[in-house]
Amino acid sequence: VKAGTTVVWKNSSAKPATVSSDDHPTHRLYPFLNLGEFATDTTVQIIVEKPGKYSYHNHLNASEVGTITVE
């Protein structure tokens, strides 16, 4: 995505989820990605400003992972 883009996560599962910075379980690499727990059919969002690659996971199911690449 381009710097300044709003990134939105929607929880379409039947249980709570999180967006949490890597690494698991400390979440210290990218603190701005620690968006906390959100319920089914709700969203969380951030605006990403700085170029780079940012990895994250669902702390409640750490096998669910993703990366945001900002240009």
PDB file of N, CA and C in Angstrom:
ATOM      1  N   VAL A   1       0.840  -1.179   0.000  1.00  0.00           N
ATOM      2  CA  VAL A   1       0.000   0.000   0.000  1.00  0.00           C
ATOM      3  C   VAL A   1       0.882   1.238   0.000  1.00  0.00           C
ATOM      4  N   LYS A   2       0.332   2.341  -0.371  1.00  0.00           N
ATOM      5  CA  LYS A   2       1.030   3.619  -0.324  1.00  0.00           C
ATOM      6  C   LYS A   2       1.010   4.179   1.092  1.00  0.00           C
ATOM      7  N   ALA A   3       2.073   4.887   1.475  1.00  0.00           N
ATOM      8  CA  ALA A   3       2.100   5.557   2.771  1.00  0.00           C
ATOM      9  C   ALA A   3       0.885   6.474   2.879  1.00  0.00           C
ATOM     10  N   GLY A   4       0.270   6.515   4.047  1.00  0.00           N
ATOM     11  CA  GLY A   4      -0.930   7.315   4.264  1.00  0.00           C
ATOM     12  C   GLY A   4      -2.226   6.560   4.033  1.00  0.00           C
ATOM     13  N   THR A   5      -2.136   5.295   3.637  1.00  0.00           N
ATOM     14  CA  THR A   5      -3.311   4.464   3.386  1.00  0.00           C
ATOM     15  C   THR A   5      -3.906   3.964   4.702  1.00  0.00           C
ATOM     16  N   THR A   6      -5.223   3.905   4.769  1.00  0.00           N
ATOM     17  CA  THR A   6      -5.901   3.285   5.899  1.00  0.00           C
ATOM     18  C   THR A   6      -6.029   1.794   5.620  1.00  0.00           C
ATOM     19  N   VAL A   7      -5.553   0.984   6.553  1.00  0.00           N
ATOM     20  CA  VAL A   7      -5.653  -0.472   6.449  1.00  0.00           C
ATOM     21  C   VAL A   7      -6.725  -0.917   7.438  1.00  0.00           C
ATOM     22  N   VAL A   8      -7.690  -1.723   6.954  1.00  0.00           N
ATOM     23  CA  VAL A   8      -8.827  -2.166   7.759  1.00  0.00           C
ATOM     24  C   VAL A   8      -8.832  -3.689   7.829  1.00  0.00           C
ATOM     25  N   TRP A   9      -9.033  -4.211   9.028  1.00  0.00           N
ATOM     26  CA  TRP A   9      -9.223  -5.640   9.243  1.00  0.00           C
ATOM     27  C   TRP A   9     -10.671  -5.853   9.673  1.00  0.00           C
ATOM     28  N   LYS A  10     -11.343  -6.832   9.064  1.00  0.00           N
ATOM     29  CA  LYS A  10     -12.695  -7.198   9.476  1.00  0.00           C
ATOM     30  C   LYS A  10     -12.655  -8.615  10.034  1.00  0.00           C
ATOM     31  N   ASN A  11     -13.252  -8.799  11.189  1.00  0.00           N
ATOM     32  CA  ASN A  11     -13.339 -10.118  11.787  1.00  0.00           C
ATOM     33  C   ASN A  11     -14.578 -10.818  11.238  1.00  0.00           C
ATOM     34  N   SER A  12     -14.351 -11.767  10.338  1.00  0.00           N
ATOM     35  CA  SER A  12     -15.444 -12.540   9.757  1.00  0.00           C
ATOM     36  C   SER A  12     -15.547 -13.924  10.376  1.00  0.00           C
ATOM     37  N   SER A  13     -14.785 -14.165  11.420  1.00  0.00           N
ATOM     38  CA  SER A  13     -14.844 -15.465  12.095  1.00  0.00           C
ATOM     39  C   SER A  13     -15.985 -15.460  13.113  1.00  0.00           C
ATOM     40  N   ALA A  14     -16.190 -16.590  13.718  1.00  0.00           N
ATOM     41  CA  ALA A  14     -17.257 -16.713  14.717  1.00  0.00           C
ATOM     42  C   ALA A  14     -16.744 -16.516  16.140  1.00  0.00           C
ATOM     43  N   LYS A  15     -15.522 -15.984  16.253  1.00  0.00           N
ATOM     44  CA  LYS A  15     -14.935 -15.786  17.576  1.00  0.00           C
ATOM     45  C   LYS A  15     -14.074 -14.528  17.577  1.00  0.00           C
ATOM     46  N   PRO A  16     -13.724 -14.014  18.750  1.00  0.00           N
ATOM     47  CA  PRO A  16     -12.880 -12.820  18.817  1.00  0.00           C
ATOM     48  C   PRO A  16     -11.533 -13.056  18.130  1.00  0.00           C
ATOM     49  N   ALA A  17     -10.933 -11.970  17.660  1.00  0.00           N
ATOM     50  CA  ALA A  17      -9.617 -12.012  17.018  1.00  0.00           C
ATOM     51  C   ALA A  17      -8.824 -10.798  17.482  1.00  0.00           C
ATOM     52  N   THR A  18      -7.541 -10.780  17.164  1.00  0.00           N
ATOM     53  CA  THR A  18      -6.704  -9.615  17.438  1.00  0.00           C
ATOM     54  C   THR A  18      -5.851  -9.313  16.215  1.00  0.00           C
ATOM     55  N   VAL A  19      -5.356  -8.095  16.145  1.00  0.00           N
ATOM     56  CA  VAL A  19      -4.236  -7.746  15.285  1.00  0.00           C
ATOM     57  C   VAL A  19      -3.127  -7.401  16.256  1.00  0.00           C
ATOM     58  N   SER A  20      -2.043  -8.192  16.211  1.00  0.00           N
ATOM     59  CA  SER A  20      -0.935  -8.026  17.151  1.00  0.00           C
ATOM     60  C   SER A  20       0.387  -8.054  16.396  1.00  0.00           C
ATOM     61  N   SER A  21       1.268  -7.132  16.732  1.00  0.00           N
ATOM     62  CA  SER A  21       2.589  -7.072  16.123  1.00  0.00           C
ATOM     63  C   SER A  21       3.346  -8.363  16.358  1.00  0.00           C
ATOM     64  N   ASP A  22       4.183  -8.734  15.400  1.00  0.00           N
ATOM     65  CA  ASP A  22       5.144  -9.801  15.679  1.00  0.00           C
ATOM     66  C   ASP A  22       6.159  -9.253  16.659  1.00  0.00           C
ATOM     67  N   ASP A  23       6.921  -9.941  17.321  1.00  0.00           N
ATOM     68  CA  ASP A  23       6.935 -11.377  17.367  1.00  0.00           C
ATOM     69  C   ASP A  23       6.002 -11.887  18.459  1.00  0.00           C
ATOM     70  N   HIS A  24       5.559 -13.101  18.282  1.00  0.00           N
ATOM     71  CA  HIS A  24       4.644 -13.727  19.240  1.00  0.00           C
ATOM     72  C   HIS A  24       5.465 -14.360  20.344  1.00  0.00           C
ATOM     73  N   PRO A  25       5.171 -14.187  21.600  1.00  0.00           N
ATOM     74  CA  PRO A  25       3.988 -13.557  22.176  1.00  0.00           C
ATOM     75  C   PRO A  25       4.221 -12.139  22.698  1.00  0.00           C
ATOM     76  N   THR A  26       5.385 -11.547  22.423  1.00  0.00           N
ATOM     77  CA  THR A  26       5.710 -10.265  23.058  1.00  0.00           C
ATOM     78  C   THR A  26       5.131  -9.040  22.360  1.00  0.00           C
ATOM     79  N   HIS A  27       4.913  -9.112  21.048  1.00  0.00           N
ATOM     80  CA  HIS A  27       4.292  -8.030  20.265  1.00  0.00           C
ATOM     81  C   HIS A  27       5.090  -6.724  20.313  1.00  0.00           C
ATOM     82  N   ARG A  28       6.412  -6.811  20.275  1.00  0.00           N
ATOM     83  CA  ARG A  28       7.252  -5.620  20.440  1.00  0.00           C
ATOM     84  C   ARG A  28       7.809  -5.044  19.149  1.00  0.00           C
ATOM     85  N   LEU A  29       7.757  -5.764  18.028  1.00  0.00           N
ATOM     86  CA  LEU A  29       8.420  -5.271  16.822  1.00  0.00           C
ATOM     87  C   LEU A  29       7.774  -4.010  16.255  1.00  0.00           C
ATOM     88  N   TYR A  30       6.463  -3.976  16.190  1.00  0.00           N
ATOM     89  CA  TYR A  30       5.730  -2.853  15.595  1.00  0.00           C
ATOM     90  C   TYR A  30       4.549  -2.485  16.496  1.00  0.00           C
ATOM     91  N   PRO A  31       4.795  -1.778  17.587  1.00  0.00           N
ATOM     92  CA  PRO A  31       3.731  -1.516  18.577  1.00  0.00           C
ATOM     93  C   PRO A  31       2.469  -0.879  17.995  1.00  0.00           C
ATOM     94  N   PHE A  32       2.584  -0.115  16.919  1.00  0.00           N
ATOM     95  CA  PHE A  32       1.394   0.516  16.334  1.00  0.00           C
ATOM     96  C   PHE A  32       0.413  -0.508  15.785  1.00  0.00           C
ATOM     97  N   LEU A  33       0.865  -1.762  15.608  1.00  0.00           N
ATOM     98  CA  LEU A  33      -0.027  -2.824  15.125  1.00  0.00           C
ATOM     99  C   LEU A  33      -0.746  -3.568  16.242  1.00  0.00           C
ATOM    100  N   ASN A  34      -0.525  -3.205  17.472  1.00  0.00           N
ATOM    101  CA  ASN A  34      -1.206  -3.868  18.588  1.00  0.00           C
ATOM    102  C   ASN A  34      -2.578  -3.243  18.787  1.00  0.00           C
ATOM    103  N   LEU A  35      -3.524  -3.728  17.988  1.00  0.00           N
ATOM    104  CA  LEU A  35      -4.860  -3.123  17.929  1.00  0.00           C
ATOM    105  C   LEU A  35      -5.852  -3.767  18.879  1.00  0.00           C
ATOM    106  N   GLY A  36      -5.445  -4.823  19.568  1.00  0.00           N
ATOM    107  CA  GLY A  36      -6.315  -5.435  20.560  1.00  0.00           C
ATOM    108  C   GLY A  36      -7.342  -6.365  19.961  1.00  0.00           C
ATOM    109  N   GLU A  37      -8.186  -6.838  20.837  1.00  0.00           N
ATOM    110  CA  GLU A  37      -9.209  -7.821  20.476  1.00  0.00           C
ATOM    111  C   GLU A  37     -10.419  -7.126  19.867  1.00  0.00           C
ATOM    112  N   PHE A  38     -11.008  -7.766  18.834  1.00  0.00           N
ATOM    113  CA  PHE A  38     -12.244  -7.239  18.262  1.00  0.00           C
ATOM    114  C   PHE A  38     -13.186  -8.385  17.922  1.00  0.00           C
ATOM    115  N   ALA A  39     -14.457  -8.111  18.036  1.00  0.00           N
ATOM    116  CA  ALA A  39     -15.507  -9.126  17.946  1.00  0.00           C
ATOM    117  C   ALA A  39     -15.870  -9.454  16.501  1.00  0.00           C
ATOM    118  N   THR A  40     -16.619 -10.533  16.353  1.00  0.00           N
ATOM    119  CA  THR A  40     -17.154 -10.939  15.054  1.00  0.00           C
ATOM    120  C   THR A  40     -17.937  -9.787  14.422  1.00  0.00           C
ATOM    121  N   ASP A  41     -17.762  -9.615  13.119  1.00  0.00           N
ATOM    122  CA  ASP A  41     -18.458  -8.592  12.322  1.00  0.00           C
ATOM    123  C   ASP A  41     -18.108  -7.164  12.715  1.00  0.00           C
ATOM    124  N   THR A  42     -16.946  -6.957  13.339  1.00  0.00           N
ATOM    125  CA  THR A  42     -16.456  -5.608  13.617  1.00  0.00           C
ATOM    126  C   THR A  42     -15.109  -5.426  12.924  1.00  0.00           C
ATOM    127  N   THR A  43     -14.638  -4.182  12.904  1.00  0.00           N
ATOM    128  CA  THR A  43     -13.377  -3.872  12.246  1.00  0.00           C
ATOM    129  C   THR A  43     -12.453  -3.096  13.177  1.00  0.00           C
ATOM    130  N   VAL A  44     -11.164  -3.132  12.847  1.00  0.00           N
ATOM    131  CA  VAL A  44     -10.158  -2.256  13.430  1.00  0.00           C
ATOM    132  C   VAL A  44      -9.361  -1.693  12.264  1.00  0.00           C
ATOM    133  N   GLN A  45      -8.745  -0.533  12.484  1.00  0.00           N
ATOM    134  CA  GLN A  45      -8.006   0.075  11.374  1.00  0.00           C
ATOM    135  C   GLN A  45      -6.866   0.943  11.877  1.00  0.00           C
ATOM    136  N   ILE A  46      -5.893   1.158  10.989  1.00  0.00           N
ATOM    137  CA  ILE A  46      -4.798   2.087  11.241  1.00  0.00           C
ATOM    138  C   ILE A  46      -4.482   2.813   9.941  1.00  0.00           C
ATOM    139  N   ILE A  47      -3.801   3.921  10.047  1.00  0.00           N
ATOM    140  CA  ILE A  47      -3.216   4.600   8.896  1.00  0.00           C
ATOM    141  C   ILE A  47      -1.722   4.331   8.956  1.00  0.00           C
ATOM    142  N   VAL A  48      -1.170   3.764   7.892  1.00  0.00           N
ATOM    143  CA  VAL A  48       0.253   3.448   7.857  1.00  0.00           C
ATOM    144  C   VAL A  48       0.988   4.574   7.133  1.00  0.00           C
ATOM    145  N   GLU A  49       1.955   5.155   7.807  1.00  0.00           N
ATOM    146  CA  GLU A  49       2.657   6.330   7.286  1.00  0.00           C
ATOM    147  C   GLU A  49       4.064   6.039   6.790  1.00  0.00           C
ATOM    148  N   LYS A  50       4.770   5.118   7.451  1.00  0.00           N
ATOM    149  CA  LYS A  50       6.186   4.923   7.184  1.00  0.00           C
ATOM    150  C   LYS A  50       6.420   3.701   6.292  1.00  0.00           C
ATOM    151  N   PRO A  51       7.173   3.865   5.189  1.00  0.00           N
ATOM    152  CA  PRO A  51       7.472   2.713   4.325  1.00  0.00           C
ATOM    153  C   PRO A  51       8.193   1.602   5.089  1.00  0.00           C
ATOM    154  N   GLY A  52       7.889   0.366   4.714  1.00  0.00           N
ATOM    155  CA  GLY A  52       8.526  -0.802   5.312  1.00  0.00           C
ATOM    156  C   GLY A  52       7.621  -2.009   5.216  1.00  0.00           C
ATOM    157  N   LYS A  53       8.102  -3.134   5.752  1.00  0.00           N
ATOM    158  CA  LYS A  53       7.312  -4.374   5.832  1.00  0.00           C
ATOM    159  C   LYS A  53       7.022  -4.632   7.297  1.00  0.00           C
ATOM    160  N   TYR A  54       5.753  -4.839   7.615  1.00  0.00           N
ATOM    161  CA  TYR A  54       5.306  -4.993   8.995  1.00  0.00           C
ATOM    162  C   TYR A  54       4.529  -6.298   9.132  1.00  0.00           C
ATOM    163  N   SER A  55       5.027  -7.196   9.959  1.00  0.00           N
ATOM    164  CA  SER A  55       4.376  -8.492  10.137  1.00  0.00           C
ATOM    165  C   SER A  55       3.522  -8.483  11.405  1.00  0.00           C
ATOM    166  N   TYR A  56       2.432  -9.234  11.340  1.00  0.00           N
ATOM    167  CA  TYR A  56       1.486  -9.287  12.456  1.00  0.00           C
ATOM    168  C   TYR A  56       0.834 -10.660  12.503  1.00  0.00           C
ATOM    169  N   HIS A  57       0.077 -10.907  13.553  1.00  0.00           N
ATOM    170  CA  HIS A  57      -0.637 -12.181  13.719  1.00  0.00           C
ATOM    171  C   HIS A  57      -1.859 -11.956  14.604  1.00  0.00           C
ATOM    172  N   ASN A  58      -2.701 -12.969  14.655  1.00  0.00           N
ATOM    173  CA  ASN A  58      -3.830 -13.003  15.571  1.00  0.00           C
ATOM    174  C   ASN A  58      -3.327 -13.668  16.853  1.00  0.00           C
ATOM    175  N   HIS A  59      -3.194 -12.922  17.919  1.00  0.00           N
ATOM    176  CA  HIS A  59      -2.655 -13.473  19.160  1.00  0.00           C
ATOM    177  C   HIS A  59      -3.491 -14.647  19.682  1.00  0.00           C
ATOM    178  N   LEU A  60      -4.764 -14.665  19.393  1.00  0.00           N
ATOM    179  CA  LEU A  60      -5.638 -15.740  19.861  1.00  0.00           C
ATOM    180  C   LEU A  60      -5.512 -17.008  19.018  1.00  0.00           C
ATOM    181  N   ASN A  61      -4.898 -16.887  17.842  1.00  0.00           N
ATOM    182  CA  ASN A  61      -4.603 -18.020  16.961  1.00  0.00           C
ATOM    183  C   ASN A  61      -3.369 -17.637  16.150  1.00  0.00           C
ATOM    184  N   ALA A  62      -2.200 -17.828  16.746  1.00  0.00           N
ATOM    185  CA  ALA A  62      -0.942 -17.300  16.175  1.00  0.00           C
ATOM    186  C   ALA A  62      -0.582 -17.874  14.813  1.00  0.00           C
ATOM    187  N   SER A  63      -1.288 -18.884  14.339  1.00  0.00           N
ATOM    188  CA  SER A  63      -1.024 -19.390  12.988  1.00  0.00           C
ATOM    189  C   SER A  63      -1.654 -18.488  11.918  1.00  0.00           C
ATOM    190  N   GLU A  64      -2.527 -17.569  12.315  1.00  0.00           N
ATOM    191  CA  GLU A  64      -3.120 -16.598  11.393  1.00  0.00           C
ATOM    192  C   GLU A  64      -2.208 -15.390  11.354  1.00  0.00           C
ATOM    193  N   VAL A  65      -1.523 -15.208  10.217  1.00  0.00           N
ATOM    194  CA  VAL A  65      -0.481 -14.193  10.098  1.00  0.00           C
ATOM    195  C   VAL A  65      -0.692 -13.322   8.862  1.00  0.00           C
ATOM    196  N   GLY A  66       0.007 -12.195   8.839  1.00  0.00           N
ATOM    197  CA  GLY A  66      -0.039 -11.332   7.669  1.00  0.00           C
ATOM    198  C   GLY A  66       1.120 -10.358   7.673  1.00  0.00           C
ATOM    199  N   THR A  67       1.294  -9.672   6.550  1.00  0.00           N
ATOM    200  CA  THR A  67       2.326  -8.648   6.401  1.00  0.00           C
ATOM    201  C   THR A  67       1.737  -7.479   5.639  1.00  0.00           C
ATOM    202  N   ILE A  68       2.050  -6.288   6.096  1.00  0.00           N
ATOM    203  CA  ILE A  68       1.693  -5.070   5.371  1.00  0.00           C
ATOM    204  C   ILE A  68       2.982  -4.541   4.767  1.00  0.00           C
ATOM    205  N   THR A  69       2.983  -4.306   3.458  1.00  0.00           N
ATOM    206  CA  THR A  69       4.128  -3.694   2.792  1.00  0.00           C
ATOM    207  C   THR A  69       3.726  -2.281   2.394  1.00  0.00           C
ATOM    208  N   VAL A  70       4.444  -1.295   2.937  1.00  0.00           N
ATOM    209  CA  VAL A  70       4.131   0.116   2.713  1.00  0.00           C
ATOM    210  C   VAL A  70       5.220   0.723   1.843  1.00  0.00           C
ATOM    211  N   GLU A  71       4.808   1.377   0.752  1.00  0.00           N
ATOM    212  CA  GLU A  71       5.743   2.021  -0.169  1.00  0.00           C
ATOM    213  C   GLU A  71       5.796   3.516   0.068  1.00  0.00           C
TER     214      GLU A  71
END
